[in-house]
Amino acid sequence: MAKCAICEKGAHFGNNVSHSHRKTPKMWKSNVKSVRVKTAGGAKRMYVCTSCLKSGKVERA
């Protein structure tokens, strides 16, 4: 699973808990997109989460 190159956000793990309180494994995937980003060396393709894109931490190329 890809991680955000800016904030290192990745997948989170936990349990689904049913009404009868049975527990099964669950994975929450972060909303990570592959985008072209402006860097000092030019444009570069990176995995960036949508919260970093929305907040303006990176600039698209």
N, C-alpha and C. Protein backbone atom coordinates (compact mmCIF):
# COMPACT_ATOMS: atom_id res chain seq x y z
N MET A 1 0.84 -1.18 0.00
CA MET A 1 0.00 0.00 0.00
C MET A 1 0.88 1.24 0.00
N ALA A 2 0.50 2.22 -0.79
CA ALA A 2 1.28 3.45 -0.89
C ALA A 2 1.10 4.31 0.34
N LYS A 3 2.15 5.05 0.66
CA LYS A 3 2.10 6.02 1.75
C LYS A 3 2.23 7.41 1.16
N CYS A 4 1.69 8.38 1.87
CA CYS A 4 1.81 9.77 1.45
C CYS A 4 3.27 10.19 1.60
N ALA A 5 3.82 10.81 0.56
CA ALA A 5 5.21 11.24 0.59
C ALA A 5 5.40 12.46 1.49
N ILE A 6 4.35 13.17 1.82
CA ILE A 6 4.44 14.39 2.63
C ILE A 6 4.26 14.08 4.11
N CYS A 7 3.15 13.45 4.47
CA CYS A 7 2.83 13.25 5.89
C CYS A 7 3.00 11.80 6.35
N GLU A 8 3.44 10.91 5.45
CA GLU A 8 3.67 9.50 5.77
C GLU A 8 2.40 8.77 6.21
N LYS A 9 1.24 9.26 5.81
CA LYS A 9 -0.02 8.60 6.17
C LYS A 9 -0.16 7.33 5.33
N GLY A 10 -0.52 6.23 6.00
CA GLY A 10 -0.69 4.95 5.32
C GLY A 10 -1.95 4.26 5.78
N ALA A 11 -1.95 2.94 5.73
CA ALA A 11 -3.11 2.16 6.14
C ALA A 11 -3.16 2.07 7.66
N HIS A 12 -4.40 1.98 8.20
CA HIS A 12 -4.63 1.82 9.63
C HIS A 12 -5.34 0.49 9.85
N PHE A 13 -5.06 -0.15 10.95
CA PHE A 13 -5.61 -1.46 11.23
C PHE A 13 -6.41 -1.44 12.52
N GLY A 14 -7.43 -2.29 12.57
CA GLY A 14 -8.25 -2.39 13.76
C GLY A 14 -9.19 -3.56 13.63
N ASN A 15 -10.32 -3.50 14.30
CA ASN A 15 -11.30 -4.58 14.29
C ASN A 15 -12.67 -4.06 13.92
N ASN A 16 -13.39 -4.86 13.11
CA ASN A 16 -14.82 -4.69 12.96
C ASN A 16 -15.46 -5.31 14.19
N VAL A 17 -16.37 -4.63 14.83
CA VAL A 17 -17.05 -5.18 15.99
C VAL A 17 -18.53 -5.27 15.67
N SER A 18 -19.06 -6.50 15.67
CA SER A 18 -20.46 -6.72 15.33
C SER A 18 -21.35 -6.40 16.52
N HIS A 19 -22.66 -6.51 16.28
CA HIS A 19 -23.62 -6.26 17.35
C HIS A 19 -23.46 -7.27 18.49
N SER A 20 -23.08 -8.51 18.14
CA SER A 20 -22.85 -9.54 19.16
C SER A 20 -21.43 -9.45 19.73
N HIS A 21 -20.70 -8.44 19.35
CA HIS A 21 -19.35 -8.12 19.84
C HIS A 21 -18.28 -9.10 19.36
N ARG A 22 -18.54 -9.77 18.23
CA ARG A 22 -17.50 -10.58 17.59
C ARG A 22 -16.57 -9.64 16.86
N LYS A 23 -15.29 -9.95 16.85
CA LYS A 23 -14.31 -9.05 16.23
C LYS A 23 -13.64 -9.73 15.04
N THR A 24 -13.58 -9.02 13.92
CA THR A 24 -12.88 -9.49 12.73
C THR A 24 -11.93 -8.39 12.29
N PRO A 25 -10.81 -8.74 11.67
CA PRO A 25 -9.82 -7.73 11.27
C PRO A 25 -10.37 -6.76 10.21
N LYS A 26 -9.93 -5.53 10.32
CA LYS A 26 -10.34 -4.50 9.36
C LYS A 26 -9.15 -3.63 9.03
N MET A 27 -9.13 -3.13 7.79
CA MET A 27 -8.07 -2.22 7.37
C MET A 27 -8.71 -0.99 6.75
N TRP A 28 -8.31 0.18 7.20
CA TRP A 28 -8.75 1.45 6.61
C TRP A 28 -7.61 1.96 5.74
N LYS A 29 -7.89 2.17 4.46
CA LYS A 29 -6.88 2.68 3.54
C LYS A 29 -7.03 4.19 3.43
N SER A 30 -5.91 4.89 3.48
CA SER A 30 -5.96 6.34 3.34
C SER A 30 -6.15 6.68 1.86
N ASN A 31 -6.70 7.84 1.60
CA ASN A 31 -7.01 8.27 0.24
C ASN A 31 -5.75 8.86 -0.39
N VAL A 32 -4.92 7.99 -1.00
CA VAL A 32 -3.63 8.39 -1.55
C VAL A 32 -3.72 8.35 -3.07
N LYS A 33 -3.29 9.43 -3.72
CA LYS A 33 -3.34 9.54 -5.17
C LYS A 33 -1.92 9.69 -5.73
N SER A 34 -1.72 9.22 -6.94
CA SER A 34 -0.45 9.42 -7.63
C SER A 34 -0.57 10.69 -8.46
N VAL A 35 0.19 11.72 -8.11
CA VAL A 35 0.09 13.02 -8.79
C VAL A 35 1.48 13.52 -9.17
N ARG A 36 1.51 14.39 -10.16
CA ARG A 36 2.76 15.06 -10.52
C ARG A 36 2.89 16.30 -9.66
N VAL A 37 4.04 16.44 -9.00
CA VAL A 37 4.26 17.50 -8.03
C VAL A 37 5.46 18.32 -8.45
N LYS A 38 5.38 19.64 -8.27
CA LYS A 38 6.52 20.51 -8.54
C LYS A 38 7.54 20.37 -7.42
N THR A 39 8.80 20.09 -7.78
CA THR A 39 9.89 20.02 -6.82
C THR A 39 11.02 20.91 -7.30
N ALA A 40 12.09 20.97 -6.52
CA ALA A 40 13.23 21.81 -6.89
C ALA A 40 13.89 21.30 -8.18
N GLY A 41 13.88 20.00 -8.39
CA GLY A 41 14.51 19.43 -9.59
C GLY A 41 13.58 19.30 -10.77
N GLY A 42 12.38 19.84 -10.68
CA GLY A 42 11.40 19.74 -11.75
C GLY A 42 10.17 18.99 -11.28
N ALA A 43 9.39 18.52 -12.23
CA ALA A 43 8.17 17.79 -11.89
C ALA A 43 8.52 16.35 -11.56
N LYS A 44 7.84 15.81 -10.56
CA LYS A 44 8.10 14.45 -10.10
C LYS A 44 6.77 13.80 -9.72
N ARG A 45 6.63 12.51 -10.01
CA ARG A 45 5.41 11.78 -9.66
C ARG A 45 5.55 11.22 -8.25
N MET A 46 4.57 11.54 -7.40
CA MET A 46 4.59 11.11 -6.00
C MET A 46 3.21 10.61 -5.60
N TYR A 47 3.19 9.82 -4.52
CA TYR A 47 1.94 9.46 -3.87
C TYR A 47 1.66 10.50 -2.79
N VAL A 48 0.51 11.18 -2.90
CA VAL A 48 0.15 12.24 -1.97
C VAL A 48 -1.29 12.01 -1.54
N CYS A 49 -1.56 12.14 -0.22
CA CYS A 49 -2.94 11.97 0.26
C CYS A 49 -3.75 13.21 -0.09
N THR A 50 -5.05 13.03 -0.17
CA THR A 50 -5.92 14.12 -0.60
C THR A 50 -5.98 15.25 0.43
N SER A 51 -5.74 14.94 1.70
CA SER A 51 -5.75 16.01 2.70
C SER A 51 -4.54 16.94 2.51
N CYS A 52 -3.40 16.39 2.08
CA CYS A 52 -2.23 17.24 1.79
C CYS A 52 -2.46 18.06 0.51
N LEU A 53 -3.12 17.48 -0.48
CA LEU A 53 -3.44 18.22 -1.70
C LEU A 53 -4.40 19.36 -1.41
N LYS A 54 -5.42 19.10 -0.60
CA LYS A 54 -6.45 20.08 -0.30
C LYS A 54 -5.89 21.23 0.54
N SER A 55 -4.96 20.91 1.48
CA SER A 55 -4.44 21.93 2.36
C SER A 55 -3.36 22.81 1.69
N GLY A 56 -2.89 22.39 0.51
CA GLY A 56 -1.90 23.19 -0.20
C GLY A 56 -0.46 22.91 0.22
N LYS A 57 -0.20 21.77 0.84
CA LYS A 57 1.16 21.43 1.24
C LYS A 57 2.03 21.11 0.04
N VAL A 58 1.42 20.70 -1.08
CA VAL A 58 2.14 20.43 -2.32
C VAL A 58 1.49 21.20 -3.45
N GLU A 59 2.28 21.45 -4.50
CA GLU A 59 1.76 22.15 -5.67
C GLU A 59 1.84 21.23 -6.85
N ARG A 60 0.72 21.05 -7.52
CA ARG A 60 0.68 20.16 -8.69
C ARG A 60 1.43 20.78 -9.86
N ALA A 61 2.03 19.90 -10.65
CA ALA A 61 2.77 20.36 -11.84
C ALA A 61 1.88 20.32 -13.06
